[in-house]
Protein backbone atom coordinates (compact mmCIF):
# COMPACT_ATOMS: atom_id res chain seq x y z
CA UNK A 1 27.72 -17.01 -5.62
CA UNK A 2 30.10 -15.09 -3.41
CA UNK A 3 28.90 -13.36 -0.29
CA UNK A 4 32.15 -12.05 1.08
CA UNK A 5 33.56 -15.57 1.28
CA UNK A 6 36.32 -17.34 -0.61
CA UNK A 7 33.91 -19.13 -2.97
CA UNK A 8 34.47 -18.63 -6.68
CA UNK A 9 32.36 -15.78 -8.05
CA UNK A 10 30.72 -16.39 -11.43
CA UNK A 11 31.25 -12.89 -12.84
CA UNK A 12 29.64 -13.69 -16.19
CA UNK A 13 26.46 -14.89 -14.47
CA UNK A 14 26.47 -11.89 -12.12
CA UNK A 15 26.65 -9.49 -15.06
CA UNK A 16 23.86 -11.35 -16.89
CA UNK A 17 21.69 -11.33 -13.75
CA UNK A 18 22.24 -7.58 -13.29
CA UNK A 19 21.37 -6.93 -16.95
CA UNK A 20 18.18 -9.01 -16.69
CA UNK A 21 17.20 -7.34 -13.41
CA UNK A 22 17.76 -3.91 -14.98
CA UNK A 23 15.29 -4.73 -17.76
CA UNK A 24 12.72 -6.04 -15.28
CA UNK A 25 13.15 -2.98 -13.06
CA UNK A 26 12.66 -0.68 -16.04
CA UNK A 27 9.46 -2.54 -16.88
CA UNK A 28 8.23 -2.16 -13.30
CA UNK A 29 9.09 1.55 -13.36
CA UNK A 30 7.12 2.03 -16.58
CA UNK A 31 4.12 0.24 -15.05
CA UNK A 32 4.30 2.36 -11.90
CA UNK A 33 4.64 5.56 -13.95
CA UNK A 34 1.60 4.59 -16.00
CA UNK A 35 -0.47 4.26 -12.81
CA UNK A 36 1.07 7.42 -11.31
CA UNK A 37 0.25 9.50 -14.38
CA UNK A 38 -3.25 8.13 -14.83
CA UNK A 39 -4.59 8.16 -11.27
CA UNK A 40 -4.50 10.51 -8.30
CA UNK A 41 -2.92 9.04 -5.14
CA UNK A 42 -6.20 9.60 -3.27
CA UNK A 43 -8.05 7.44 -5.81
CA UNK A 44 -5.41 4.74 -5.61
CA UNK A 45 -5.69 4.59 -1.83
CA UNK A 46 -9.48 4.69 -1.95
CA UNK A 47 -10.15 2.13 -4.68
CA UNK A 48 -7.14 -0.17 -5.07
CA UNK A 49 -6.85 -3.46 -3.22
CA UNK A 50 -5.13 -2.72 0.06
CA UNK A 51 -3.16 -5.99 -0.02
CA UNK A 52 -1.88 -5.28 -3.55
CA UNK A 53 -0.79 -1.81 -2.49
CA UNK A 54 0.97 -3.12 0.60
CA UNK A 55 2.82 -5.76 -1.47
CA UNK A 56 3.87 -3.13 -4.01
CA UNK A 57 5.05 -0.79 -1.25
CA UNK A 58 7.00 -3.59 0.47
CA UNK A 59 8.66 -4.50 -2.84
CA UNK A 60 9.58 -0.88 -3.55
CA UNK A 61 10.99 -0.42 -0.04
CA UNK A 62 13.03 -3.61 -0.33
CA UNK A 63 14.45 -2.51 -3.68
CA UNK A 64 15.24 0.93 -2.34
CA UNK A 65 17.08 -0.55 0.63
CA UNK A 66 19.06 -2.97 -1.56
CA UNK A 67 20.11 -0.33 -4.07
CA UNK A 68 20.95 2.13 -1.27
CA UNK A 69 23.45 -0.48 0.00
CA UNK A 70 24.91 -0.88 -3.49
CA UNK A 71 25.07 2.91 -3.89
CA UNK A 72 26.89 3.23 -0.56
CA UNK A 73 29.43 0.62 -1.70
CA UNK A 74 29.97 2.47 -4.99
CA UNK A 75 30.52 5.77 -3.17
CA UNK A 76 32.89 4.08 -0.75
CA UNK A 77 34.92 2.61 -3.63
CA UNK A 78 34.99 5.95 -5.43
CA UNK A 79 36.21 7.61 -2.24
CA UNK A 80 39.04 5.08 -1.94
CA UNK A 81 40.17 5.79 -5.50
CA UNK A 82 40.73 9.50 -4.83
């Protein structure tokens, strides 16, 4: 996999990995929406396992940070094309 180096990038695998991740992210979003719509945040904080909540929050923050970087790259590329 290429990380800004001269190594050969497997574009087919990259596209397949992105497609698979998109499906998994949609599944996670549906699960989170189900909890969000069924329970009040106060009840979640009061009754849910603290460690499970902290893991979920850390995962969400990590995803947000990763996709913010990707979004910034997209905007940068779009700005170059103008």
